[in-house]
Amino acid sequence: MLETILGALLPMVVTFLLGFVAAWRGDFGPKDAAILNRMVLLYAVPLLLFAGTVSTPRAELSQDLPLLIALCVAIVGLYGAVLLLSRFAFRRRLSISALAALTASAPAVPFSAVLGYLFGGPGAIPIAMASLVVNLTVIPVTILLLTLDTAGEESQGKCPAKDEEHLASPPATCGSVLAAKLAETVKEPIVWAPVLAFVIVLSGVGIPQLIVHSLSMLGHAAGGVALFGSGIVLASLTTKVNRHVLFLVFLKNVVQPALVLGGLRWLDYGNPIVSKAVLTTAIPSMPMVIMLAVQYRAAEAEIVSAVFLSVIGSVITMGAFIALTS
């Protein structure tokens, strides 16, 4: 059991710590992390998601429909709950609330080899499904909310009517700002690449394996580079461990997989659906959240601390869920 847990999670922890040590030694700095993050967000992750999605047969997606529904409810449902809680109960900024929701709900499936190590070949199915759910729903929404909040001060100056002469202009101005930010979000490769791949899979159009293999080379580097860059960011910031950080880690590592386990057991589902769904959601937070926090300069210290604690803590929490589902 211990060997299984360490084999699945230790590579993530070691890569994260290598980035931290590299920054501590002065080999890399925050500017280098920004360059690595840009490469990962614009090229490596979109290629990884595209190649992984088009490699998933349409028949397998339809056969594991209960697994897809479970992952969709777990990820999107928790995202919405945390977003509303952070925004209205904790009174935090929209951008910070969106990042908190993504941290608590989205497992690092595209960046981790955990499921492949645990399930072998069949592990590709929950990887593909979780990647589809995350990259077709919560990531585009997060990017949209981040861009809207970034333009908040500017739009606030445009939207309110300061005198009667401008009373007719605010709706059009606000609507144009929203449309512009929505178009900006759709243009992001990390948004349109998995959507395009999903459409290709549903249409039944086959992509030659030679092309998929060629696209996968840089894509396979996404996980290691993202974790390494996250370690650099961690070393350059003051680590924050407060109630918000601990709450996000608890939600991601414990609450989300526990709810999936309880819900599927209550609905009389058994393995392999239960084990795949629970262990997929038990994977720690994705390092992409750190990249978005750095890019939009929102709660960087809190997010990097939460992701780091989620990765470290998953050695214990994921071990517990492996035992509960085996």
C-alpha atoms as a PDB file:
ATOM      1  CA  MET A   1       0.000   0.000   0.000  1.00  0.00           C
ATOM      2  CA  LEU A   2       2.747   2.458   0.980  1.00  0.00           C
ATOM      3  CA  GLU A   3       4.660   1.712  -2.212  1.00  0.00           C
ATOM      4  CA  THR A   4       1.526   2.363  -4.276  1.00  0.00           C
ATOM      5  CA  ILE A   5       0.866   5.694  -2.591  1.00  0.00           C
ATOM      6  CA  LEU A   6       4.456   6.892  -2.852  1.00  0.00           C
ATOM      7  CA  GLY A   7       4.772   5.689  -6.443  1.00  0.00           C
ATOM      8  CA  ALA A   8       1.653   7.634  -7.393  1.00  0.00           C
ATOM      9  CA  LEU A   9       2.308  10.888  -5.522  1.00  0.00           C
ATOM     10  CA  LEU A  10       6.024  11.180  -4.754  1.00  0.00           C
ATOM     11  CA  PRO A  11       6.930  12.401  -8.295  1.00  0.00           C
ATOM     12  CA  MET A  12       4.639  15.411  -7.817  1.00  0.00           C
ATOM     13  CA  VAL A  13       6.112  16.250  -4.419  1.00  0.00           C
ATOM     14  CA  VAL A  14       9.716  15.842  -5.578  1.00  0.00           C
ATOM     15  CA  THR A  15       9.222  17.975  -8.712  1.00  0.00           C
ATOM     16  CA  PHE A  16       7.541  20.693  -6.654  1.00  0.00           C
ATOM     17  CA  LEU A  17      10.420  20.672  -4.159  1.00  0.00           C
ATOM     18  CA  LEU A  18      13.035  20.680  -6.944  1.00  0.00           C
ATOM     19  CA  GLY A  19      11.576  23.950  -8.213  1.00  0.00           C
ATOM     20  CA  PHE A  20      11.709  25.351  -4.690  1.00  0.00           C
ATOM     21  CA  VAL A  21      15.368  24.306  -4.253  1.00  0.00           C
ATOM     22  CA  ALA A  22      16.295  25.693  -7.683  1.00  0.00           C
ATOM     23  CA  ALA A  23      14.858  29.095  -6.726  1.00  0.00           C
ATOM     24  CA  TRP A  24      16.486  28.946  -3.263  1.00  0.00           C
ATOM     25  CA  ARG A  25      19.883  28.317  -4.910  1.00  0.00           C
ATOM     26  CA  GLY A  26      19.351  31.266  -7.241  1.00  0.00           C
ATOM     27  CA  ASP A  27      19.270  29.159 -10.403  1.00  0.00           C
ATOM     28  CA  PHE A  28      15.765  30.417 -11.244  1.00  0.00           C
ATOM     29  CA  GLY A  29      13.737  33.441 -10.216  1.00  0.00           C
ATOM     30  CA  PRO A  30      10.180  34.802 -10.470  1.00  0.00           C
ATOM     31  CA  LYS A  31      10.798  36.035 -14.033  1.00  0.00           C
ATOM     32  CA  ASP A  32      11.829  32.531 -15.070  1.00  0.00           C
ATOM     33  CA  ALA A  33       8.701  31.111 -13.454  1.00  0.00           C
ATOM     34  CA  ALA A  34       6.566  33.564 -15.432  1.00  0.00           C
ATOM     35  CA  ILE A  35       8.191  32.400 -18.687  1.00  0.00           C
ATOM     36  CA  LEU A  36       7.677  28.738 -17.780  1.00  0.00           C
ATOM     37  CA  ASN A  37       4.062  29.426 -16.829  1.00  0.00           C
ATOM     38  CA  ARG A  38       3.437  31.196 -20.124  1.00  0.00           C
ATOM     39  CA  MET A  39       4.854  28.286 -22.092  1.00  0.00           C
ATOM     40  CA  VAL A  40       2.739  25.793 -20.144  1.00  0.00           C
ATOM     41  CA  LEU A  41      -0.516  27.773 -20.460  1.00  0.00           C
ATOM     42  CA  LEU A  42      -0.134  28.700 -24.133  1.00  0.00           C
ATOM     43  CA  TYR A  43       1.426  25.529 -25.552  1.00  0.00           C
ATOM     44  CA  ALA A  44       2.117  22.533 -23.299  1.00  0.00           C
ATOM     45  CA  VAL A  45      -1.248  22.160 -21.539  1.00  0.00           C
ATOM     46  CA  PRO A  46      -3.401  22.872 -24.643  1.00  0.00           C
ATOM     47  CA  LEU A  47      -1.413  20.260 -26.584  1.00  0.00           C
ATOM     48  CA  LEU A  48      -1.690  17.796 -23.697  1.00  0.00           C
ATOM     49  CA  LEU A  49      -5.449  18.280 -23.454  1.00  0.00           C
ATOM     50  CA  PHE A  50      -6.005  18.109 -27.202  1.00  0.00           C
ATOM     51  CA  ALA A  51      -3.924  14.966 -27.689  1.00  0.00           C
ATOM     52  CA  GLY A  52      -5.395  13.254 -24.628  1.00  0.00           C
ATOM     53  CA  THR A  53      -8.981  14.054 -25.570  1.00  0.00           C
ATOM     54  CA  VAL A  54      -8.831  13.030 -29.248  1.00  0.00           C
ATOM     55  CA  SER A  55      -7.255   9.737 -28.165  1.00  0.00           C
ATOM     56  CA  THR A  56     -10.386   8.827 -26.189  1.00  0.00           C
ATOM     57  CA  PRO A  57     -12.800   6.641 -28.189  1.00  0.00           C
ATOM     58  CA  ARG A  58     -16.366   7.921 -28.297  1.00  0.00           C
ATOM     59  CA  ALA A  59     -17.680   4.487 -27.296  1.00  0.00           C
ATOM     60  CA  GLU A  60     -15.702   4.544 -24.049  1.00  0.00           C
ATOM     61  CA  LEU A  61     -17.122   7.938 -23.126  1.00  0.00           C
ATOM     62  CA  SER A  62     -20.674   6.629 -23.548  1.00  0.00           C
ATOM     63  CA  GLN A  63     -19.971   3.377 -21.669  1.00  0.00           C
ATOM     64  CA  ASP A  64     -18.670   5.221 -18.606  1.00  0.00           C
ATOM     65  CA  LEU A  65     -21.453   7.810 -18.530  1.00  0.00           C
ATOM     66  CA  PRO A  66     -22.112   7.355 -14.752  1.00  0.00           C
ATOM     67  CA  LEU A  67     -18.441   8.121 -14.073  1.00  0.00           C
ATOM     68  CA  LEU A  68     -18.641  11.237 -16.253  1.00  0.00           C
ATOM     69  CA  ILE A  69     -21.773  12.437 -14.455  1.00  0.00           C
ATOM     70  CA  ALA A  70     -20.223  11.803 -11.019  1.00  0.00           C
ATOM     71  CA  LEU A  71     -17.090  13.763 -11.899  1.00  0.00           C
ATOM     72  CA  CYS A  72     -19.113  16.595 -13.431  1.00  0.00           C
ATOM     73  CA  VAL A  73     -21.324  16.950 -10.346  1.00  0.00           C
ATOM     74  CA  ALA A  74     -18.358  16.725  -7.966  1.00  0.00           C
ATOM     75  CA  ILE A  75     -16.186  19.274  -9.776  1.00  0.00           C
ATOM     76  CA  VAL A  76     -18.744  21.773 -11.065  1.00  0.00           C
ATOM     77  CA  GLY A  77     -20.943  21.515  -7.961  1.00  0.00           C
ATOM     78  CA  LEU A  78     -18.111  22.157  -5.524  1.00  0.00           C
ATOM     79  CA  TYR A  79     -16.758  24.941  -7.731  1.00  0.00           C
ATOM     80  CA  GLY A  80     -20.087  26.762  -7.645  1.00  0.00           C
ATOM     81  CA  ALA A  81     -20.512  26.279  -3.903  1.00  0.00           C
ATOM     82  CA  VAL A  82     -17.023  27.587  -3.050  1.00  0.00           C
ATOM     83  CA  LEU A  83     -17.339  30.492  -5.476  1.00  0.00           C
ATOM     84  CA  LEU A  84     -20.581  31.682  -3.867  1.00  0.00           C
ATOM     85  CA  LEU A  85     -19.316  31.052  -0.338  1.00  0.00           C
ATOM     86  CA  SER A  86     -16.083  32.955  -0.896  1.00  0.00           C
ATOM     87  CA  ARG A  87     -17.753  35.826  -2.715  1.00  0.00           C
ATOM     88  CA  PHE A  88     -20.778  36.427  -0.501  1.00  0.00           C
ATOM     89  CA  ALA A  89     -19.956  34.863   2.885  1.00  0.00           C
ATOM     90  CA  PHE A  90     -16.258  35.757   3.073  1.00  0.00           C
ATOM     91  CA  ARG A  91     -16.687  38.986   1.015  1.00  0.00           C
ATOM     92  CA  ARG A  92     -13.619  38.294  -1.122  1.00  0.00           C
ATOM     93  CA  ARG A  93     -12.886  39.732  -4.558  1.00  0.00           C
ATOM     94  CA  LEU A  94     -14.354  37.969  -7.585  1.00  0.00           C
ATOM     95  CA  SER A  95     -10.927  36.975  -8.905  1.00  0.00           C
ATOM     96  CA  ILE A  96      -9.839  35.529  -5.546  1.00  0.00           C
ATOM     97  CA  SER A  97     -13.165  33.705  -5.183  1.00  0.00           C
ATOM     98  CA  ALA A  98     -12.767  32.161  -8.650  1.00  0.00           C
ATOM     99  CA  LEU A  99      -9.220  30.985  -7.877  1.00  0.00           C
ATOM    100  CA  ALA A 100     -10.335  29.598  -4.515  1.00  0.00           C
ATOM    101  CA  ALA A 101     -13.155  27.673  -6.199  1.00  0.00           C
ATOM    102  CA  LEU A 102     -10.770  26.230  -8.792  1.00  0.00           C
ATOM    103  CA  THR A 103      -8.278  25.247  -6.081  1.00  0.00           C
ATOM    104  CA  ALA A 104     -10.928  23.406  -4.082  1.00  0.00           C
ATOM    105  CA  SER A 105     -12.660  21.631  -6.965  1.00  0.00           C
ATOM    106  CA  ALA A 106     -10.264  20.833  -9.827  1.00  0.00           C
ATOM    107  CA  PRO A 107      -7.940  17.818  -9.406  1.00  0.00           C
ATOM    108  CA  ALA A 108      -4.540  17.922 -11.109  1.00  0.00           C
ATOM    109  CA  VAL A 109      -5.521  15.129 -13.481  1.00  0.00           C
ATOM    110  CA  PRO A 110      -3.695  16.388 -16.614  1.00  0.00           C
ATOM    111  CA  PHE A 111      -0.557  17.084 -14.552  1.00  0.00           C
ATOM    112  CA  SER A 112      -0.421  13.825 -12.644  1.00  0.00           C
ATOM    113  CA  ALA A 113       0.327  10.198 -13.489  1.00  0.00           C
ATOM    114  CA  VAL A 114      -1.494   8.983 -10.381  1.00  0.00           C
ATOM    115  CA  LEU A 115      -4.419   7.282 -12.127  1.00  0.00           C
ATOM    116  CA  GLY A 116      -2.204   5.662 -14.730  1.00  0.00           C
ATOM    117  CA  TYR A 117      -0.018   4.291 -11.939  1.00  0.00           C
ATOM    118  CA  LEU A 118      -3.011   2.996  -9.962  1.00  0.00           C
ATOM    119  CA  PHE A 119      -5.208   1.612 -12.766  1.00  0.00           C
ATOM    120  CA  GLY A 120      -2.823   1.123 -15.688  1.00  0.00           C
ATOM    121  CA  GLY A 121      -4.501   1.342 -19.102  1.00  0.00           C
ATOM    122  CA  PRO A 122      -8.070   1.790 -17.744  1.00  0.00           C
ATOM    123  CA  GLY A 123      -6.820   4.854 -15.876  1.00  0.00           C
ATOM    124  CA  ALA A 124      -6.921   6.767 -19.166  1.00  0.00           C
ATOM    125  CA  ILE A 125     -10.727   6.927 -18.995  1.00  0.00           C
ATOM    126  CA  PRO A 126     -11.109   8.932 -15.745  1.00  0.00           C
ATOM    127  CA  ILE A 127      -8.138  11.068 -16.824  1.00  0.00           C
ATOM    128  CA  ALA A 128      -9.860  11.966 -20.095  1.00  0.00           C
ATOM    129  CA  MET A 129     -13.251  12.511 -18.454  1.00  0.00           C
ATOM    130  CA  ALA A 130     -11.965  14.658 -15.594  1.00  0.00           C
ATOM    131  CA  SER A 131      -9.865  16.675 -18.038  1.00  0.00           C
ATOM    132  CA  LEU A 132     -12.934  17.264 -20.197  1.00  0.00           C
ATOM    133  CA  VAL A 133     -15.030  18.400 -17.232  1.00  0.00           C
ATOM    134  CA  VAL A 134     -12.339  20.700 -15.845  1.00  0.00           C
ATOM    135  CA  ASN A 135     -11.296  22.238 -19.147  1.00  0.00           C
ATOM    136  CA  LEU A 136     -14.773  22.630 -20.643  1.00  0.00           C
ATOM    137  CA  THR A 137     -16.373  24.141 -17.534  1.00  0.00           C
ATOM    138  CA  VAL A 138     -14.491  25.481 -14.518  1.00  0.00           C
ATOM    139  CA  ILE A 139     -11.298  26.693 -16.241  1.00  0.00           C
ATOM    140  CA  PRO A 140     -13.098  28.814 -18.875  1.00  0.00           C
ATOM    141  CA  VAL A 141     -15.393  30.237 -16.183  1.00  0.00           C
ATOM    142  CA  THR A 142     -12.397  31.039 -13.973  1.00  0.00           C
ATOM    143  CA  ILE A 143     -10.529  32.797 -16.780  1.00  0.00           C
ATOM    144  CA  LEU A 144     -13.653  34.790 -17.640  1.00  0.00           C
ATOM    145  CA  LEU A 145     -14.143  35.867 -14.008  1.00  0.00           C
ATOM    146  CA  LEU A 146     -10.472  36.790 -13.709  1.00  0.00           C
ATOM    147  CA  THR A 147     -10.578  38.952 -16.826  1.00  0.00           C
ATOM    148  CA  LEU A 148     -13.817  40.603 -15.710  1.00  0.00           C
ATOM    149  CA  ASP A 149     -12.423  41.402 -12.281  1.00  0.00           C
ATOM    150  CA  THR A 150      -9.197  42.724 -13.805  1.00  0.00           C
ATOM    151  CA  ALA A 151     -11.248  45.136 -15.883  1.00  0.00           C
ATOM    152  CA  GLY A 152     -13.467  45.946 -12.895  1.00  0.00           C
ATOM    153  CA  GLU A 153     -12.029  49.330 -12.050  1.00  0.00           C
ATOM    154  CA  GLU A 154     -12.115  50.449 -15.667  1.00  0.00           C
ATOM    155  CA  SER A 155     -15.670  49.239 -16.210  1.00  0.00           C
ATOM    156  CA  GLN A 156     -16.833  50.846 -12.966  1.00  0.00           C
ATOM    157  CA  GLY A 157     -15.685  54.146 -14.349  1.00  0.00           C
ATOM    158  CA  LYS A 158     -17.634  53.550 -17.542  1.00  0.00           C
ATOM    159  CA  CYS A 159     -20.847  51.975 -16.308  1.00  0.00           C
ATOM    160  CA  PRO A 160     -22.247  54.252 -13.589  1.00  0.00           C
ATOM    161  CA  ALA A 161     -24.105  57.273 -14.905  1.00  0.00           C
ATOM    162  CA  LYS A 162     -22.696  60.403 -13.364  1.00  0.00           C
ATOM    163  CA  ASP A 163     -25.328  62.690 -14.855  1.00  0.00           C
ATOM    164  CA  GLU A 164     -28.543  62.534 -16.838  1.00  0.00           C
ATOM    165  CA  GLU A 165     -26.679  62.881 -20.130  1.00  0.00           C
ATOM    166  CA  HIS A 166     -25.099  59.437 -19.707  1.00  0.00           C
ATOM    167  CA  LEU A 167     -28.133  57.555 -18.375  1.00  0.00           C
ATOM    168  CA  ALA A 168     -28.683  55.708 -21.660  1.00  0.00           C
ATOM    169  CA  SER A 169     -25.105  54.569 -22.162  1.00  0.00           C
ATOM    170  CA  PRO A 170     -24.255  52.279 -19.190  1.00  0.00           C
ATOM    171  CA  PRO A 171     -26.023  49.067 -20.386  1.00  0.00           C
ATOM    172  CA  ALA A 172     -24.292  49.145 -23.772  1.00  0.00           C
ATOM    173  CA  THR A 173     -20.936  49.928 -22.221  1.00  0.00           C
ATOM    174  CA  CYS A 174     -21.165  47.161 -19.621  1.00  0.00           C
ATOM    175  CA  GLY A 175     -22.420  44.720 -22.216  1.00  0.00           C
ATOM    176  CA  SER A 176     -19.558  45.532 -24.545  1.00  0.00           C
ATOM    177  CA  VAL A 177     -17.054  44.988 -21.737  1.00  0.00           C
ATOM    178  CA  LEU A 178     -18.559  41.570 -20.965  1.00  0.00           C
ATOM    179  CA  ALA A 179     -18.629  40.590 -24.650  1.00  0.00           C
ATOM    180  CA  ALA A 180     -15.010  41.653 -25.100  1.00  0.00           C
ATOM    181  CA  LYS A 181     -13.855  39.665 -22.077  1.00  0.00           C
ATOM    182  CA  LEU A 182     -15.862  36.619 -23.168  1.00  0.00           C
ATOM    183  CA  ALA A 183     -14.239  36.779 -26.610  1.00  0.00           C
ATOM    184  CA  GLU A 184     -10.835  37.159 -24.951  1.00  0.00           C
ATOM    185  CA  THR A 185     -11.508  34.050 -22.866  1.00  0.00           C
ATOM    186  CA  VAL A 186     -12.575  31.940 -25.843  1.00  0.00           C
ATOM    187  CA  LYS A 187      -9.366  32.874 -27.681  1.00  0.00           C
ATOM    188  CA  GLU A 188      -7.220  31.284 -24.970  1.00  0.00           C
ATOM    189  CA  PRO A 189      -5.674  28.018 -26.301  1.00  0.00           C
ATOM    190  CA  ILE A 190      -6.373  26.294 -22.990  1.00  0.00           C
ATOM    191  CA  VAL A 191     -10.103  26.948 -23.598  1.00  0.00           C
ATOM    192  CA  TRP A 192     -10.595  26.230 -27.304  1.00  0.00           C
ATOM    193  CA  ALA A 193      -8.159  23.301 -27.652  1.00  0.00           C
ATOM    194  CA  PRO A 194     -10.138  20.817 -25.483  1.00  0.00           C
ATOM    195  CA  VAL A 195     -13.421  22.049 -26.973  1.00  0.00           C
ATOM    196  CA  LEU A 196     -12.125  21.391 -30.487  1.00  0.00           C
ATOM    197  CA  ALA A 197     -10.865  17.966 -29.442  1.00  0.00           C
ATOM    198  CA  PHE A 198     -14.218  17.109 -27.837  1.00  0.00           C
ATOM    199  CA  VAL A 199     -16.077  18.086 -31.015  1.00  0.00           C
ATOM    200  CA  ILE A 200     -13.717  15.883 -33.040  1.00  0.00           C
ATOM    201  CA  VAL A 201     -14.375  12.924 -30.725  1.00  0.00           C
ATOM    202  CA  LEU A 202     -18.172  13.377 -30.892  1.00  0.00           C
ATOM    203  CA  SER A 203     -18.088  13.699 -34.687  1.00  0.00           C
ATOM    204  CA  GLY A 204     -16.214  10.416 -35.010  1.00  0.00           C
ATOM    205  CA  VAL A 205     -13.418  11.924 -37.083  1.00  0.00           C
ATOM    206  CA  GLY A 206     -10.201   9.993 -36.553  1.00  0.00           C
ATOM    207  CA  ILE A 207      -6.903  11.776 -36.031  1.00  0.00           C
ATOM    208  CA  PRO A 208      -3.829   9.807 -37.209  1.00  0.00           C
ATOM    209  CA  GLN A 209      -1.777   8.524 -34.290  1.00  0.00           C
ATOM    210  CA  LEU A 210       1.340   9.984 -35.864  1.00  0.00           C
ATOM    211  CA  ILE A 211      -0.109  13.485 -35.440  1.00  0.00           C
ATOM    212  CA  VAL A 212      -1.325  12.781 -31.905  1.00  0.00           C
ATOM    213  CA  HIS A 213       2.068  11.415 -30.935  1.00  0.00           C
ATOM    214  CA  SER A 214       3.806  14.462 -32.398  1.00  0.00           C
ATOM    215  CA  LEU A 215       1.587  16.825 -30.405  1.00  0.00           C
ATOM    216  CA  SER A 216       2.053  14.813 -27.211  1.00  0.00           C
ATOM    217  CA  MET A 217       5.791  15.381 -26.874  1.00  0.00           C
ATOM    218  CA  LEU A 218       5.560  18.930 -25.526  1.00  0.00           C
ATOM    219  CA  GLY A 219       2.266  18.127 -23.828  1.00  0.00           C
ATOM    220  CA  HIS A 220       3.861  15.447 -21.656  1.00  0.00           C
ATOM    221  CA  ALA A 221       6.234  18.082 -20.279  1.00  0.00           C
ATOM    222  CA  ALA A 222       3.321  20.155 -18.957  1.00  0.00           C
ATOM    223  CA  GLY A 223       3.003  18.406 -15.593  1.00  0.00           C
ATOM    224  CA  GLY A 224       6.674  18.492 -14.663  1.00  0.00           C
ATOM    225  CA  VAL A 225       7.253  22.054 -15.875  1.00  0.00           C
ATOM    226  CA  ALA A 226       4.112  23.320 -14.139  1.00  0.00           C
ATOM    227  CA  LEU A 227       5.077  21.741 -10.812  1.00  0.00           C
ATOM    228  CA  PHE A 228       8.679  22.944 -11.150  1.00  0.00           C
ATOM    229  CA  GLY A 229       7.466  26.474 -11.897  1.00  0.00           C
ATOM    230  CA  SER A 230       5.087  26.292  -8.931  1.00  0.00           C
ATOM    231  CA  GLY A 231       8.033  25.446  -6.686  1.00  0.00           C
ATOM    232  CA  ILE A 232       9.862  28.547  -7.962  1.00  0.00           C
ATOM    233  CA  VAL A 233       6.826  30.707  -7.212  1.00  0.00           C
ATOM    234  CA  LEU A 234       6.558  29.191  -3.725  1.00  0.00           C
ATOM    235  CA  ALA A 235      10.192  30.112  -2.989  1.00  0.00           C
ATOM    236  CA  SER A 236       9.698  33.690  -4.170  1.00  0.00           C
ATOM    237  CA  LEU A 237       6.630  34.369  -2.005  1.00  0.00           C
ATOM    238  CA  THR A 238       5.953  34.417   1.708  1.00  0.00           C
ATOM    239  CA  THR A 239       3.998  31.258   2.506  1.00  0.00           C
ATOM    240  CA  LYS A 240       0.557  31.946   3.952  1.00  0.00           C
ATOM    241  CA  VAL A 241      -1.169  29.381   6.119  1.00  0.00           C
ATOM    242  CA  ASN A 242      -4.443  30.861   7.302  1.00  0.00           C
ATOM    243  CA  ARG A 243      -7.993  29.621   7.739  1.00  0.00           C
ATOM    244  CA  HIS A 244      -8.831  30.248   4.077  1.00  0.00           C
ATOM    245  CA  VAL A 245      -5.858  28.180   2.879  1.00  0.00           C
ATOM    246  CA  LEU A 246      -6.547  25.309   5.270  1.00  0.00           C
ATOM    247  CA  PHE A 247     -10.240  25.368   4.368  1.00  0.00           C
ATOM    248  CA  LEU A 248      -9.456  25.016   0.649  1.00  0.00           C
ATOM    249  CA  VAL A 249      -7.038  22.140   1.299  1.00  0.00           C
ATOM    250  CA  PHE A 250      -9.620  20.381   3.479  1.00  0.00           C
ATOM    251  CA  LEU A 251     -12.304  20.777   0.809  1.00  0.00           C
ATOM    252  CA  LYS A 252     -10.083  19.457  -1.988  1.00  0.00           C
ATOM    253  CA  ASN A 253      -8.314  16.614  -0.219  1.00  0.00           C
ATOM    254  CA  VAL A 254     -11.063  15.373   2.108  1.00  0.00           C
ATOM    255  CA  VAL A 255     -14.551  16.771   1.489  1.00  0.00           C
ATOM    256  CA  GLN A 256     -14.768  16.350  -2.296  1.00  0.00           C
ATOM    257  CA  PRO A 257     -13.692  12.671  -2.494  1.00  0.00           C
ATOM    258  CA  ALA A 258     -15.672  11.865   0.667  1.00  0.00           C
ATOM    259  CA  LEU A 259     -18.863  13.283  -0.867  1.00  0.00           C
ATOM    260  CA  VAL A 260     -18.255  11.322  -4.069  1.00  0.00           C
ATOM    261  CA  LEU A 261     -17.687   8.118  -2.084  1.00  0.00           C
ATOM    262  CA  GLY A 262     -20.789   8.618   0.044  1.00  0.00           C
ATOM    263  CA  GLY A 263     -22.967   9.642  -2.889  1.00  0.00           C
ATOM    264  CA  LEU A 264     -22.019   6.719  -5.122  1.00  0.00           C
ATOM    265  CA  ARG A 265     -22.348   4.206  -2.278  1.00  0.00           C
ATOM    266  CA  TRP A 266     -25.773   5.643  -1.475  1.00  0.00           C
ATOM    267  CA  LEU A 267     -26.759   5.138  -5.130  1.00  0.00           C
ATOM    268  CA  ASP A 268     -25.565   1.498  -4.897  1.00  0.00           C
ATOM    269  CA  TYR A 269     -22.644   1.852  -7.286  1.00  0.00           C
ATOM    270  CA  GLY A 270     -19.597  -0.346  -6.800  1.00  0.00           C
ATOM    271  CA  ASN A 271     -16.096  -0.662  -8.180  1.00  0.00           C
ATOM    272  CA  PRO A 272     -14.570   0.179 -10.572  1.00  0.00           C
ATOM    273  CA  ILE A 273     -16.761   3.295 -10.914  1.00  0.00           C
ATOM    274  CA  VAL A 274     -16.495   4.176  -7.212  1.00  0.00           C
ATOM    275  CA  SER A 275     -12.736   3.735  -6.995  1.00  0.00           C
ATOM    276  CA  LYS A 276     -12.106   5.662 -10.216  1.00  0.00           C
ATOM    277  CA  ALA A 277     -14.385   8.565  -9.292  1.00  0.00           C
ATOM    278  CA  VAL A 278     -13.189   8.820  -5.679  1.00  0.00           C
ATOM    279  CA  LEU A 279      -9.470   8.581  -6.457  1.00  0.00           C
ATOM    280  CA  THR A 280      -9.800  11.028  -9.345  1.00  0.00           C
ATOM    281  CA  THR A 281     -11.314  13.657  -7.061  1.00  0.00           C
ATOM    282  CA  ALA A 282      -8.790  12.802  -4.312  1.00  0.00           C
ATOM    283  CA  ILE A 283      -5.919  13.986  -6.534  1.00  0.00           C
ATOM    284  CA  PRO A 284      -4.556  17.283  -5.135  1.00  0.00           C
ATOM    285  CA  SER A 285      -5.169  20.749  -6.560  1.00  0.00           C
ATOM    286  CA  MET A 286      -3.831  21.497 -10.007  1.00  0.00           C
ATOM    287  CA  PRO A 287      -0.721  23.708 -10.322  1.00  0.00           C
ATOM    288  CA  MET A 288      -2.406  25.630 -13.133  1.00  0.00           C
ATOM    289  CA  VAL A 289      -4.219  27.618 -10.426  1.00  0.00           C
ATOM    290  CA  ILE A 290      -0.840  29.035  -9.390  1.00  0.00           C
ATOM    291  CA  MET A 291      -0.105  30.064 -12.987  1.00  0.00           C
ATOM    292  CA  LEU A 292      -3.425  31.889 -13.231  1.00  0.00           C
ATOM    293  CA  ALA A 293      -2.861  33.574  -9.863  1.00  0.00           C
ATOM    294  CA  VAL A 294       0.566  34.793 -11.012  1.00  0.00           C
ATOM    295  CA  GLN A 295      -0.712  35.889 -14.413  1.00  0.00           C
ATOM    296  CA  TYR A 296      -3.600  37.918 -12.955  1.00  0.00           C
ATOM    297  CA  ARG A 297      -1.757  38.917  -9.749  1.00  0.00           C
ATOM    298  CA  ALA A 298      -4.494  37.672  -7.422  1.00  0.00           C
ATOM    299  CA  ALA A 299      -3.880  36.009  -4.021  1.00  0.00           C
ATOM    300  CA  GLU A 300      -0.606  34.494  -5.229  1.00  0.00           C
ATOM    301  CA  ALA A 301       0.756  33.625  -1.760  1.00  0.00           C
ATOM    302  CA  GLU A 302      -2.496  31.998  -0.611  1.00  0.00           C
ATOM    303  CA  ILE A 303      -3.002  29.974  -3.780  1.00  0.00           C
ATOM    304  CA  VAL A 304       0.570  28.665  -3.980  1.00  0.00           C
ATOM    305  CA  SER A 305       0.422  27.727  -0.279  1.00  0.00           C
ATOM    306  CA  ALA A 306      -2.895  25.929  -0.734  1.00  0.00           C
ATOM    307  CA  VAL A 307      -1.669  23.940  -3.744  1.00  0.00           C
ATOM    308  CA  PHE A 308       1.585  23.024  -1.986  1.00  0.00           C
ATOM    309  CA  LEU A 309      -0.224  21.838   1.163  1.00  0.00           C
ATOM    310  CA  SER A 310      -2.727  19.941  -0.985  1.00  0.00           C
ATOM    311  CA  VAL A 311       0.096  18.103  -2.782  1.00  0.00           C
ATOM    312  CA  ILE A 312       1.948  17.295   0.451  1.00  0.00           C
ATOM    313  CA  GLY A 313      -1.218  16.348   2.337  1.00  0.00           C
ATOM    314  CA  SER A 314      -2.443  14.083  -0.457  1.00  0.00           C
ATOM    315  CA  VAL A 315       0.175  11.494   0.520  1.00  0.00           C
ATOM    316  CA  ILE A 316      -1.975  10.880   3.618  1.00  0.00           C
ATOM    317  CA  THR A 317      -5.474  11.668   2.359  1.00  0.00           C
ATOM    318  CA  MET A 318      -5.190   9.793  -0.926  1.00  0.00           C
ATOM    319  CA  GLY A 319      -3.722   6.820   0.902  1.00  0.00           C
ATOM    320  CA  ALA A 320      -6.820   6.801   3.095  1.00  0.00           C
ATOM    321  CA  PHE A 321      -9.166   6.853   0.099  1.00  0.00           C
ATOM    322  CA  ILE A 322      -7.186   4.120  -1.665  1.00  0.00           C
ATOM    323  CA  ALA A 323      -7.744   1.980   1.420  1.00  0.00           C
ATOM    324  CA  LEU A 324     -11.447   2.877   1.593  1.00  0.00           C
ATOM    325  CA  THR A 325     -12.105   1.987  -2.056  1.00  0.00           C
ATOM    326  CA  SER A 326      -9.910  -1.098  -2.400  1.00  0.00           C
END
